[in-house]
Amino acid sequence: MKVRTLALSLLLAITLGVTAGCNNNDGVTRSKENGKEIVLRVGDKSISVDDLFNNLVLTKDGVEGVYNAVDKVVILSSFEVGDEQQKEIDKKIKDFEDSVRSDASSTGLSYTAMREIKLAELGLKNMDELKEYYTIQVLRPEVEELYFPTEYPSVAGQRNELIKEYVEEAAPMHLKHILVKVADSKLYTGFISESEAITLARVATRLTDGGSLNTFKRVAYEESQDDGSRVKSGDLGIVDRYTNYVTEFKYGLYAYLAKGLHKGDEKVSEVLNVPADFDIYDDGFRVIPVSKVKELAEKAEETVDNPDNKSEITATYPRNEIFNEYFNFPSVAFLAKDPESTATKVTFDENGNPSVDLVTDENGNPIVLVRSTYGIHFISVTKSAFDEDTVAYYTEVKDTNAVEGLDPYILQGSTTSEKKTRYDEITSAVKNYINGAAQGLTADQNILKYRIFKYFLEKEDITFNNELEFEYGYDNKKANLETIVLNYIDAQVSYKKLSVDNTIELSWLNYKRQLEREIEQRA
C-alpha cells in the first residue's frame, strides 16, 4: 500500500448559499466546478460541498454525519489501494453479490430487489457506495497501523506515547499468582478438606522458606491449580482496569496499591476510582502468622468423633477452625515472616514499607493473599502501574540498559518467539484500550477512529477553515466546524469513559459491602 502525503485542507462551507472567493491553502483552491462549490481537492480529486455534507442538517445526527463524511474523505484521499487490497475488495463485492443471488433464489425476489434490500441493511444506496464501503473497511487497518504500529519490534509512530497513556489511564499490573483450590466456596464458616489444607499449608510454607527451590515461579509451576498460568510459572501477564477478574482479586489488589504499596501517592486512588469513603484498610491489612500455617499442616488430618452430629463436628475440625479464622475471608491478607510475630494487622508508610516483616517473592515483593470462590490466591505484583519505571518496563524492546536494574516485560522472554509473544500482549492490551474494546464497546462503537482523526488533525495533516462559523444543534450554538467535530468526538469518548467509570465504581461499592459483611462476621 502506498501512503500519499496527507496534505488535506478541509475548507468547509456551511450551506450551498455561502459565497466565497479563492482561498489558497497548500495548493488547495476553493472554487466551482459544474456549478458546484468545491470544498476540497486532493491531487486531481475534487470534493464538493454536496459530496461532503450530502445536505446534512447540523443537528446531533447531522454532526455525526459530517464527522463520518470527513473521516471517509481522509481515508479515501490519503491512501492508495494496492493490488492485494484490491483483491480483498473485489472478493468482498463478489461475496456480497453471491449472497444476493442466494437470498433472491430462496425468497423468490428478483436479484435487483434483493440487492436493494441488502444494500439498505448496510445503509447504502448503490454498488458504488458498496465499493467505497469495502474500500474503507480494507484500508482502515492500514490507517490504524500507521497510528499504532504492531509489527515486532517496531517502536515507531505513536506506539510508545500510547503505551504511556495506557499505563497512566488503564493502570496495568504485571502479576504472578498461585491458586490453591478449595471446593467449598462458603465464606467465614466453610469446610476445607484434608488434602486442601495440606496443599495450602505446603504452598505457604514453601513461599515462607524461600531459596532457590522455593521461588514464587517454581512454587507456582509445581503447586498452582490454575492450569493456564501454572505452565507459565504463575505468570498472569498484564492485568488492567478493564480486565475481567473476580472482585476480591481485582479490587483487593487495587486496595493494596492505594492503601499500601503506593499509600503516599494521591493519584493512585484517583486512577483506580477508589471511593473517598473507602476506609476499611486505613487501620491496616490482615496478617496471617506463619505459626498458623504450620499449625494447619500439623492438624490437617485431625478429626473429632461424634456420630450424633456429624455436620457440627465437621465444622469444629481443627483444620476448619484455623481455615475460617485466618484464611476464609475476602479481605486482603499477608503472611508474617517471623514465626513469633503476634501482629494481626500490617500498615504501610508513605514509601510502601510494611510495619511487619512480610513473606515476599524472590524479588522482594510482598505476597498478597485473597480468598475467592475458587480458593486461595497467592499474588505477586511484579510491576505496578505506579512505579516510576513502568512505561519503560512495557516499551523497552532491546537491552539498552535505559533504566538501571530494569527487567523489561518483553525481554523476560528467553527466545525471539517468546519476546514477540510478550510484545503482542502489550499491543493487544493497548489496542483494546485505545479502541474501547477493553471498556466493553463493540466494533461499531470503538473510539480508535476518533483518536486517529484527532492525531492527523494535531499533525496538521487535516486543516479546517476556521474563519467560517455556523449554527448547529438544537440550541443553535455558533462555532466553526473543527470545534463542532472535535466536540462531537470528545462527547463520544467521554460518554464511553463515563460508562466504564460507573461500572468500576459500582464494583467498588459491592466490594466495600462484602468487606463490611466480613467485619460483622468477625465482630
Protein backbone atom coordinates (compact mmCIF):
# COMPACT_ATOMS: atom_id res chain seq x y z
CA MET A 1 0.00 0.00 0.00
CA LYS A 2 1.28 3.44 -0.90
CA VAL A 3 0.66 6.22 1.57
CA ARG A 4 0.10 9.55 -0.09
CA THR A 5 1.31 12.70 1.58
CA LEU A 6 -1.50 13.71 3.90
CA ALA A 7 -1.88 17.35 2.93
CA LEU A 8 -5.61 17.76 3.36
CA SER A 9 -7.16 21.18 3.70
CA LEU A 10 -10.84 20.89 4.56
CA LEU A 11 -12.25 24.30 3.62
CA LEU A 12 -15.73 23.66 4.88
CA ALA A 13 -18.67 25.77 3.73
CA ILE A 14 -21.81 25.79 5.82
CA THR A 15 -24.53 25.89 3.21
CA LEU A 16 -24.63 25.95 -0.56
CA GLY A 17 -25.53 29.63 -0.28
CA VAL A 18 -22.18 30.63 1.25
CA THR A 19 -20.29 32.83 -1.18
CA ALA A 20 -16.53 32.94 -1.21
CA GLY A 21 -13.64 33.97 -3.33
CA CYS A 22 -10.47 31.98 -3.67
CA ASN A 23 -8.77 30.71 -0.55
CA ASN A 24 -5.43 29.09 -1.22
CA ASN A 25 -4.01 26.69 1.35
CA ASP A 26 -1.25 24.21 0.44
CA GLY A 27 -2.35 24.18 -3.18
CA VAL A 28 -5.99 23.57 -2.41
CA THR A 29 -8.25 26.11 -4.11
CA ARG A 30 -11.85 26.67 -3.20
CA SER A 31 -13.80 27.24 -6.45
CA LYS A 32 -16.69 25.93 -8.51
CA GLU A 33 -16.92 23.07 -10.99
CA ASN A 34 -20.06 22.31 -12.95
CA GLY A 35 -21.94 24.79 -10.80
CA LYS A 36 -20.91 23.06 -7.53
CA GLU A 37 -18.80 24.71 -4.89
CA ILE A 38 -15.59 22.74 -4.30
CA VAL A 39 -14.59 22.38 -0.68
CA LEU A 40 -11.57 20.13 -1.02
CA ARG A 41 -9.01 18.97 -3.57
CA VAL A 42 -6.62 16.09 -3.06
CA GLY A 43 -4.44 15.53 -6.08
CA ASP A 44 -6.77 15.53 -9.07
CA LYS A 45 -9.80 14.69 -6.95
CA SER A 46 -12.34 17.42 -6.30
CA ILE A 47 -14.86 17.20 -3.47
CA SER A 48 -17.88 19.46 -3.47
CA VAL A 49 -19.99 20.64 -0.58
CA ASP A 50 -22.67 18.25 -1.81
CA ASP A 51 -20.23 15.35 -1.80
CA LEU A 52 -19.02 16.04 1.71
CA PHE A 53 -22.15 17.08 3.53
CA ASN A 54 -24.86 15.43 1.48
CA ASN A 55 -27.13 18.33 2.55
CA LEU A 56 -26.85 17.32 6.21
CA VAL A 57 -28.68 19.41 8.76
CA LEU A 58 -26.31 20.22 11.59
CA THR A 59 -28.29 18.58 14.37
CA LYS A 60 -26.71 15.96 16.65
CA ASP A 61 -27.22 13.33 13.95
CA GLY A 62 -26.02 15.80 11.35
CA VAL A 63 -22.75 16.40 13.19
CA GLU A 64 -22.22 12.65 13.34
CA GLY A 65 -22.85 12.51 9.62
CA VAL A 66 -20.40 15.34 9.00
CA TYR A 67 -17.75 13.55 11.07
CA ASN A 68 -18.32 10.31 9.16
CA ALA A 69 -18.11 12.16 5.84
CA VAL A 70 -14.82 13.83 6.77
CA ASP A 71 -13.45 10.55 8.14
CA LYS A 72 -14.31 8.83 4.87
CA VAL A 73 -12.67 11.57 2.81
CA VAL A 74 -9.49 11.36 4.89
CA ILE A 75 -9.12 7.61 4.32
CA LEU A 76 -10.08 7.55 0.64
CA SER A 77 -7.98 10.59 -0.22
CA SER A 78 -4.88 9.67 1.77
CA PHE A 79 -4.22 6.05 0.86
CA GLU A 80 -3.86 4.29 -2.47
CA VAL A 81 -5.37 0.84 -2.86
CA GLY A 82 -2.64 -1.69 -3.64
CA ASP A 83 -3.04 -4.90 -5.61
CA GLU A 84 -3.62 -7.08 -2.54
CA GLN A 85 -6.14 -4.65 -1.09
CA GLN A 86 -7.97 -4.52 -4.43
CA LYS A 87 -8.21 -8.32 -4.49
CA GLU A 88 -9.71 -8.24 -0.99
CA ILE A 89 -12.22 -5.55 -2.01
CA ASP A 90 -13.20 -7.47 -5.15
CA LYS A 91 -13.71 -10.63 -3.10
CA LYS A 92 -15.96 -8.81 -0.64
CA ILE A 93 -18.06 -7.46 -3.51
CA LYS A 94 -18.27 -10.91 -5.10
CA ASP A 95 -19.30 -12.46 -1.76
CA PHE A 96 -21.98 -9.78 -1.44
CA GLU A 97 -23.29 -10.50 -4.95
CA ASP A 98 -23.28 -14.26 -4.29
CA SER A 99 -25.25 -13.65 -1.10
CA VAL A 100 -27.77 -11.53 -3.03
CA ARG A 101 -28.26 -14.30 -5.62
CA SER A 102 -28.67 -16.96 -2.96
CA ASP A 103 -31.21 -14.96 -0.94
CA ALA A 104 -33.08 -13.90 -4.08
CA SER A 105 -33.38 -17.53 -5.12
CA SER A 106 -34.60 -18.70 -1.72
CA THR A 107 -37.16 -15.89 -1.32
CA GLY A 108 -38.41 -15.63 -4.89
CA LEU A 109 -37.46 -11.96 -5.14
CA SER A 110 -35.63 -10.56 -8.13
CA TYR A 111 -31.88 -10.06 -7.95
CA THR A 112 -32.34 -6.28 -8.16
CA ALA A 113 -34.94 -6.17 -5.38
CA MET A 114 -32.83 -8.33 -3.06
CA ARG A 115 -29.72 -6.26 -3.80
CA GLU A 116 -31.54 -3.07 -2.79
CA ILE A 117 -32.68 -4.73 0.44
CA LYS A 118 -29.18 -5.88 1.34
CA LEU A 119 -27.64 -2.53 0.44
CA ALA A 120 -30.21 -0.79 2.62
CA GLU A 121 -29.26 -3.07 5.52
CA LEU A 122 -25.76 -1.60 5.26
CA GLY A 123 -27.12 1.94 4.98
CA LEU A 124 -26.07 2.14 1.32
CA LYS A 125 -27.89 3.14 -1.87
CA ASN A 126 -25.95 1.61 -4.74
CA MET A 127 -22.98 -0.55 -5.72
CA ASP A 128 -20.64 2.43 -5.96
CA GLU A 129 -21.29 3.12 -2.29
CA LEU A 130 -20.73 -0.57 -1.54
CA LYS A 131 -17.34 -0.45 -3.23
CA GLU A 132 -16.47 2.64 -1.22
CA TYR A 133 -17.74 0.93 1.96
CA TYR A 134 -15.49 -2.09 1.42
CA THR A 135 -12.55 0.08 0.39
CA ILE A 136 -12.73 1.95 3.69
CA GLN A 137 -13.12 -1.35 5.53
CA VAL A 138 -9.96 -2.71 3.91
CA LEU A 139 -7.91 0.48 4.27
CA ARG A 140 -8.83 1.31 7.87
CA PRO A 141 -6.44 -1.29 9.37
CA GLU A 142 -3.66 0.32 7.33
CA VAL A 143 -4.55 3.68 8.86
CA GLU A 144 -4.56 2.10 12.32
CA GLU A 145 -1.13 0.55 11.71
CA LEU A 146 0.21 3.97 10.75
CA TYR A 147 -1.14 5.34 14.02
CA PHE A 148 -0.17 2.43 16.28
CA PRO A 149 2.47 0.09 14.77
CA THR A 150 2.06 -3.54 15.81
CA GLU A 151 4.79 -5.30 13.84
CA TYR A 152 7.52 -6.61 16.17
CA PRO A 153 9.77 -4.94 17.21
CA SER A 154 8.54 -1.56 15.95
CA VAL A 155 8.53 1.43 18.28
CA ALA A 156 7.56 3.87 15.54
CA GLY A 157 4.63 6.24 15.24
CA GLN A 158 2.58 6.76 18.33
CA ARG A 159 3.35 3.38 19.90
CA ASN A 160 5.38 4.48 22.91
CA GLU A 161 3.23 7.56 23.52
CA LEU A 162 0.13 5.39 23.52
CA ILE A 163 1.72 2.88 25.89
CA LYS A 164 2.49 5.80 28.22
CA GLU A 165 -1.15 6.89 28.09
CA TYR A 166 -2.29 3.30 28.61
CA VAL A 167 -0.13 3.00 31.73
CA GLU A 168 -1.46 6.28 33.13
CA GLU A 169 -5.13 5.61 32.39
CA ALA A 170 -5.59 1.82 32.47
CA ALA A 171 -3.23 1.12 35.40
CA PRO A 172 -1.79 -2.18 34.14
CA MET A 173 -0.17 -4.55 36.61
CA HIS A 174 2.10 -7.45 35.74
CA LEU A 175 1.01 -10.23 38.08
CA LYS A 176 2.10 -13.71 39.03
CA HIS A 177 -0.18 -15.94 41.02
CA ILE A 178 -0.67 -19.32 42.65
CA LEU A 179 -4.13 -20.78 43.17
CA VAL A 180 -4.92 -23.37 45.82
CA LYS A 181 -8.43 -24.57 45.10
CA VAL A 182 -10.98 -25.01 47.89
CA ALA A 183 -14.13 -26.83 46.83
CA ASP A 184 -16.36 -25.22 49.47
CA SER A 185 -16.87 -21.61 48.35
CA LYS A 186 -18.73 -20.58 51.52
CA LEU A 187 -17.04 -17.73 53.36
CA TYR A 188 -16.48 -17.45 57.12
CA THR A 189 -17.81 -20.92 58.07
CA GLY A 190 -16.63 -23.11 55.22
CA PHE A 191 -15.04 -26.54 55.17
CA ILE A 192 -11.61 -27.41 53.85
CA SER A 193 -10.65 -30.98 53.08
CA GLU A 194 -7.57 -32.68 54.44
CA SER A 195 -5.80 -32.62 51.08
CA GLU A 196 -6.74 -28.97 50.50
CA ALA A 197 -5.40 -28.00 53.93
CA ILE A 198 -2.14 -29.86 53.32
CA THR A 199 -1.66 -28.17 49.93
CA LEU A 200 -2.49 -24.72 51.30
CA ALA A 201 -0.06 -25.11 54.18
CA ARG A 202 2.65 -26.54 51.93
CA VAL A 203 2.44 -23.64 49.46
CA ALA A 204 2.52 -21.04 52.24
CA THR A 205 5.43 -22.82 53.93
CA ARG A 206 7.49 -23.06 50.74
CA LEU A 207 6.96 -19.38 49.97
CA THR A 208 7.97 -18.52 53.54
CA ASP A 209 11.10 -20.68 53.38
CA GLY A 210 12.20 -19.13 50.09
CA GLY A 211 15.52 -20.01 48.50
CA SER A 212 16.27 -21.32 45.01
CA LEU A 213 13.98 -24.35 45.42
CA ASN A 214 11.07 -22.23 46.62
CA THR A 215 10.97 -19.21 44.37
CA PHE A 216 7.49 -17.92 43.56
CA LYS A 217 7.92 -19.07 39.96
CA ARG A 218 8.97 -22.56 40.94
CA VAL A 219 6.25 -23.00 43.56
CA ALA A 220 3.68 -21.75 41.04
CA TYR A 221 4.86 -24.21 38.40
CA GLU A 222 4.88 -27.14 40.83
CA GLU A 223 1.87 -26.34 43.01
CA SER A 224 -0.61 -23.95 41.39
CA GLN A 225 -4.00 -25.38 40.46
CA ASP A 226 -4.69 -22.72 37.85
CA ASP A 227 -3.63 -24.64 34.74
CA GLY A 228 -3.49 -21.60 32.47
CA SER A 229 -0.89 -19.71 34.49
CA ARG A 230 0.85 -22.73 36.07
CA VAL A 231 2.60 -23.69 32.82
CA LYS A 232 3.95 -20.11 32.70
CA SER A 233 5.27 -20.33 36.27
CA GLY A 234 2.27 -18.42 37.56
CA ASP A 235 2.61 -15.53 35.11
CA LEU A 236 -0.81 -13.93 34.51
CA GLY A 237 0.61 -11.32 32.17
CA ILE A 238 -0.89 -7.84 32.08
CA VAL A 239 -3.97 -7.09 34.17
CA ASP A 240 -5.52 -3.61 33.93
CA ARG A 241 -8.65 -1.69 34.94
CA TYR A 242 -10.61 -3.36 32.16
CA THR A 243 -9.55 -6.96 32.83
CA ASN A 244 -12.44 -9.10 33.98
CA TYR A 245 -11.30 -10.68 37.27
CA VAL A 246 -13.19 -11.74 40.36
CA THR A 247 -13.94 -8.81 42.66
CA GLU A 248 -11.87 -9.96 45.64
CA PHE A 249 -8.85 -10.45 43.42
CA LYS A 250 -9.00 -7.26 41.38
CA TYR A 251 -10.24 -4.77 43.95
CA GLY A 252 -8.25 -6.35 46.75
CA LEU A 253 -5.10 -5.63 44.76
CA TYR A 254 -6.28 -2.10 43.99
CA ALA A 255 -6.85 -1.52 47.69
CA TYR A 256 -3.32 -2.78 48.38
CA LEU A 257 -1.88 -0.38 45.80
CA ALA A 258 -3.84 2.62 47.09
CA LYS A 259 -3.68 1.93 50.83
CA GLY A 260 -0.39 0.07 50.98
CA LEU A 261 2.27 -0.06 48.27
CA HIS A 262 1.62 3.49 46.99
CA LYS A 263 -0.02 4.95 50.07
CA GLY A 264 1.72 8.30 49.66
CA ASP A 265 0.63 8.83 46.05
CA GLU A 266 -2.78 10.51 45.85
CA LYS A 267 -3.16 9.91 42.11
CA VAL A 268 -3.36 6.14 42.68
CA SER A 269 -6.79 6.35 44.30
CA GLU A 270 -7.92 8.74 41.58
CA VAL A 271 -6.84 6.50 38.69
CA LEU A 272 -8.26 3.37 40.34
CA ASN A 273 -11.55 5.08 41.21
CA VAL A 274 -11.15 4.27 44.91
CA PRO A 275 -14.19 5.82 46.67
CA ALA A 276 -13.37 8.69 49.02
CA ASP A 277 -15.17 6.93 51.87
CA PHE A 278 -13.38 3.59 51.36
CA ASP A 279 -11.61 3.45 54.72
CA ILE A 280 -11.73 -0.26 55.53
CA TYR A 281 -7.98 -0.76 55.21
CA ASP A 282 -7.00 2.53 56.82
CA ASP A 283 -6.05 0.68 60.02
CA GLY A 284 -4.11 -1.96 58.11
CA PHE A 285 -4.43 -5.30 56.32
CA ARG A 286 -4.88 -8.69 57.92
CA VAL A 287 -1.79 -10.67 58.88
CA ILE A 288 -1.64 -14.46 58.97
CA PRO A 289 1.06 -15.69 61.37
CA VAL A 290 3.34 -18.30 59.86
CA SER A 291 2.82 -20.28 63.05
CA LYS A 292 -0.81 -20.78 61.99
CA VAL A 293 0.32 -22.12 58.63
CA LYS A 294 2.45 -24.67 60.47
CA GLU A 295 -0.47 -25.50 62.75
CA LEU A 296 -2.76 -26.01 59.75
CA ALA A 297 -0.28 -28.54 58.34
CA GLU A 298 0.03 -30.36 61.63
CA LYS A 299 -3.71 -30.60 62.22
CA ALA A 300 -4.90 -31.21 58.66
CA GLU A 301 -5.60 -34.88 59.42
CA GLU A 302 -7.19 -34.41 62.85
CA THR A 303 -10.90 -35.13 63.23
CA VAL A 304 -13.38 -35.14 66.11
CA ASP A 305 -15.56 -38.17 66.51
CA ASN A 306 -19.20 -37.55 67.39
CA PRO A 307 -21.64 -39.71 65.42
CA ASP A 308 -24.65 -37.82 66.84
CA ASN A 309 -23.94 -34.58 64.98
CA LYS A 310 -21.66 -35.03 62.01
CA SER A 311 -22.10 -31.54 60.47
CA GLU A 312 -21.41 -29.71 63.72
CA ILE A 313 -18.36 -31.80 64.42
CA THR A 314 -17.00 -31.33 60.90
CA ALA A 315 -17.14 -27.58 61.46
CA THR A 316 -15.01 -27.99 64.57
CA TYR A 317 -12.28 -29.99 62.89
CA PRO A 318 -9.06 -28.15 63.79
CA ARG A 319 -8.23 -27.53 60.12
CA ASN A 320 -11.64 -25.88 59.55
CA GLU A 321 -11.29 -23.69 62.61
CA ILE A 322 -7.85 -22.49 61.51
CA PHE A 323 -9.01 -22.01 57.92
CA ASN A 324 -12.08 -20.00 58.92
CA GLU A 325 -10.21 -17.86 61.42
CA TYR A 326 -7.29 -16.89 59.19
CA PHE A 327 -7.88 -17.71 55.53
CA ASN A 328 -11.59 -17.81 54.74
CA PHE A 329 -12.24 -14.08 54.28
CA PRO A 330 -12.49 -11.94 51.14
CA SER A 331 -10.24 -9.19 52.51
CA VAL A 332 -6.57 -8.84 51.65
CA ALA A 333 -4.07 -10.62 53.89
CA PHE A 334 -0.31 -11.08 54.13
CA LEU A 335 1.91 -13.74 55.70
CA ALA A 336 4.08 -12.57 58.59
CA LYS A 337 7.58 -13.95 58.09
CA ASP A 338 8.55 -14.06 61.76
CA PRO A 339 7.06 -17.24 63.30
CA GLU A 340 6.95 -15.44 66.65
CA SER A 341 5.04 -12.45 65.27
CA THR A 342 1.85 -11.60 67.13
CA ALA A 343 0.79 -8.84 64.73
CA THR A 344 -2.79 -9.03 63.48
CA LYS A 345 -2.54 -6.06 61.10
CA VAL A 346 0.13 -4.60 58.83
CA THR A 347 0.24 -0.97 57.77
CA PHE A 348 2.43 0.69 55.16
CA ASP A 349 4.22 4.01 55.32
CA GLU A 350 4.15 6.57 52.51
CA ASN A 351 7.06 4.83 50.81
CA GLY A 352 5.26 1.49 50.77
CA ASN A 353 7.31 -0.06 53.57
CA PRO A 354 5.36 -2.52 55.76
CA SER A 355 5.23 -2.33 59.55
CA VAL A 356 5.62 -6.13 59.75
CA ASP A 357 8.29 -8.35 58.18
CA LEU A 358 6.23 -9.99 55.43
CA VAL A 359 6.79 -13.04 53.25
CA THR A 360 7.93 -11.87 49.80
CA ASP A 361 8.75 -13.37 46.43
CA GLU A 362 12.33 -13.70 45.21
CA ASN A 363 12.28 -10.04 44.10
CA GLY A 364 11.18 -8.67 47.45
CA ASN A 365 7.52 -8.10 46.52
CA PRO A 366 5.13 -8.85 49.41
CA ILE A 367 2.91 -11.82 48.61
CA VAL A 368 -0.77 -10.88 48.73
CA LEU A 369 -3.42 -13.41 49.77
CA VAL A 370 -7.07 -13.14 48.78
CA ARG A 371 -9.94 -15.60 49.01
CA SER A 372 -12.33 -16.00 46.07
CA THR A 373 -14.95 -18.57 45.17
CA TYR A 374 -12.16 -20.57 43.50
CA GLY A 375 -9.93 -20.84 46.55
CA ILE A 376 -6.92 -19.02 47.98
CA HIS A 377 -4.82 -16.84 45.68
CA PHE A 378 -1.17 -16.04 46.42
CA ILE A 379 -0.30 -13.00 44.28
CA SER A 380 2.93 -11.22 43.41
CA VAL A 381 2.64 -7.71 41.97
CA THR A 382 5.70 -7.97 39.75
CA LYS A 383 5.19 -4.49 38.29
CA SER A 384 2.73 -1.88 39.50
CA ALA A 385 1.36 0.72 37.11
CA PHE A 386 2.52 3.39 39.54
CA ASP A 387 6.22 2.54 39.69
CA GLU A 388 8.45 5.24 38.22
CA ASP A 389 9.85 2.93 35.53
CA THR A 390 6.59 1.27 34.42
CA VAL A 391 6.44 2.93 31.00
CA ALA A 392 9.98 1.77 30.21
CA TYR A 393 9.04 -1.67 31.54
CA TYR A 394 6.49 -2.05 28.72
CA THR A 395 8.22 -0.08 25.94
CA GLU A 396 11.79 -1.38 26.07
CA VAL A 397 12.35 -3.87 23.23
CA LYS A 398 16.15 -4.00 23.23
CA ASP A 399 18.64 -4.48 26.02
CA THR A 400 19.84 -0.89 26.08
CA ASN A 401 20.00 -0.57 29.89
CA ALA A 402 17.78 2.50 29.58
CA VAL A 403 16.78 2.11 33.23
CA GLU A 404 19.28 0.62 35.65
CA GLY A 405 18.10 -2.64 37.19
CA LEU A 406 15.01 -2.84 34.97
CA ASP A 407 13.96 -6.24 33.62
CA PRO A 408 11.60 -5.17 30.80
CA TYR A 409 8.46 -7.19 30.18
CA ILE A 410 9.32 -8.07 26.58
CA LEU A 411 12.90 -9.08 27.37
CA GLN A 412 11.72 -11.55 30.00
CA GLY A 413 11.08 -13.87 27.06
CA SER A 414 14.05 -16.19 26.61
CA THR A 415 13.62 -16.64 22.83
CA THR A 416 12.70 -14.32 19.97
CA SER A 417 9.34 -16.07 19.73
CA GLU A 418 8.63 -15.55 23.43
CA LYS A 419 9.66 -11.91 23.20
CA LYS A 420 7.34 -11.40 20.24
CA THR A 421 4.52 -13.03 22.22
CA ARG A 422 5.06 -10.56 25.04
CA TYR A 423 5.28 -7.69 22.56
CA ASP A 424 1.96 -8.80 21.08
CA GLU A 425 0.41 -9.00 24.57
CA ILE A 426 1.26 -5.35 25.15
CA THR A 427 -0.02 -4.47 21.68
CA SER A 428 -3.31 -6.23 22.32
CA ALA A 429 -3.81 -4.61 25.72
CA VAL A 430 -3.09 -1.11 24.41
CA LYS A 431 -5.23 -1.55 21.29
CA ASN A 432 -8.10 -2.81 23.40
CA TYR A 433 -7.75 0.32 25.48
CA ILE A 434 -7.47 2.82 22.62
CA ASN A 435 -10.31 1.36 20.56
CA GLY A 436 -12.64 0.94 23.52
CA ALA A 437 -12.94 -2.86 23.32
CA ALA A 438 -11.47 -3.13 26.80
CA GLN A 439 -14.29 -0.91 28.02
CA GLY A 440 -16.89 -3.26 26.58
CA LEU A 441 -17.54 -1.35 23.36
CA THR A 442 -18.46 -3.19 20.19
CA ALA A 443 -16.63 -2.81 16.89
CA ASP A 444 -19.24 -0.29 15.73
CA GLN A 445 -18.79 1.75 18.89
CA ASN A 446 -15.00 1.76 19.01
CA ILE A 447 -13.28 5.07 19.60
CA LEU A 448 -10.00 4.35 17.79
CA LYS A 449 -11.23 6.11 14.65
CA TYR A 450 -11.82 9.27 16.67
CA ARG A 451 -8.33 9.14 18.13
CA ILE A 452 -6.76 8.69 14.69
CA PHE A 453 -8.74 11.63 13.33
CA LYS A 454 -7.50 13.87 16.15
CA TYR A 455 -3.96 12.58 15.64
CA PHE A 456 -3.98 13.61 11.98
CA LEU A 457 -5.53 16.95 12.92
CA GLU A 458 -2.85 17.65 15.55
CA LYS A 459 -0.16 16.83 12.99
CA GLU A 460 -1.85 19.36 10.67
CA ASP A 461 -2.42 16.67 8.05
CA ILE A 462 -6.03 17.83 8.20
CA THR A 463 -6.82 21.53 8.41
CA PHE A 464 -10.15 23.31 8.60
CA ASN A 465 -11.07 26.78 7.51
CA ASN A 466 -11.92 28.10 10.96
CA GLU A 467 -12.99 31.52 9.70
CA LEU A 468 -16.39 30.06 8.88
CA GLU A 469 -18.89 29.75 11.71
CA PHE A 470 -22.42 28.44 11.68
CA GLU A 471 -25.27 27.42 13.89
CA TYR A 472 -25.70 23.79 14.91
CA GLY A 473 -27.54 21.63 17.37
CA TYR A 474 -30.94 22.08 18.89
CA ASP A 475 -30.00 25.30 20.67
CA ASN A 476 -28.43 26.89 17.56
CA LYS A 477 -24.97 27.41 19.03
CA LYS A 478 -22.37 29.05 16.78
CA ALA A 479 -18.95 27.57 16.14
CA ASN A 480 -16.55 26.62 13.38
CA LEU A 481 -16.69 23.10 12.01
CA GLU A 482 -13.44 21.96 13.64
CA THR A 483 -14.84 22.83 17.06
CA ILE A 484 -18.11 21.07 16.29
CA VAL A 485 -16.44 17.88 15.08
CA LEU A 486 -13.98 17.82 18.00
CA ASN A 487 -16.77 18.44 20.50
CA TYR A 488 -18.64 15.54 18.95
CA ILE A 489 -15.57 13.28 19.26
CA ASP A 490 -14.89 14.35 22.85
CA ALA A 491 -18.52 13.73 23.76
CA GLN A 492 -18.39 10.21 22.31
CA VAL A 493 -15.16 9.33 24.13
CA SER A 494 -16.23 10.94 27.41
CA TYR A 495 -19.57 9.17 27.41
CA LYS A 496 -17.93 5.78 26.92
CA LYS A 497 -15.30 6.51 29.59
CA LEU A 498 -18.04 7.60 31.99
CA SER A 499 -19.85 4.31 31.42
CA VAL A 500 -16.69 2.41 32.34
CA ASP A 501 -16.06 4.55 35.42
CA ASN A 502 -19.63 3.97 36.59
CA THR A 503 -19.16 0.21 36.26
CA ILE A 504 -15.91 0.33 38.24
CA GLU A 505 -17.48 2.49 40.95
CA LEU A 506 -20.33 0.01 41.28
CA SER A 507 -17.79 -2.81 41.66
CA TRP A 508 -16.04 -0.85 44.40
CA LEU A 509 -19.36 -0.44 46.18
CA ASN A 510 -20.02 -4.18 46.01
CA TYR A 511 -16.51 -4.93 47.28
CA LYS A 512 -16.95 -2.50 50.16
CA ARG A 513 -20.25 -4.13 51.15
CA GLN A 514 -18.58 -7.53 51.05
CA LEU A 515 -15.86 -6.34 53.42
CA GLU A 516 -18.42 -4.74 55.73
CA ARG A 517 -20.15 -8.11 55.99
CA GLU A 518 -16.78 -9.63 56.88
CA ILE A 519 -16.34 -7.09 59.67
CA GLU A 520 -19.76 -8.03 61.03
CA GLN A 521 -18.85 -11.72 60.92
CA ARG A 522 -15.56 -11.14 62.73
CA ALA A 523 -17.12 -8.95 65.43
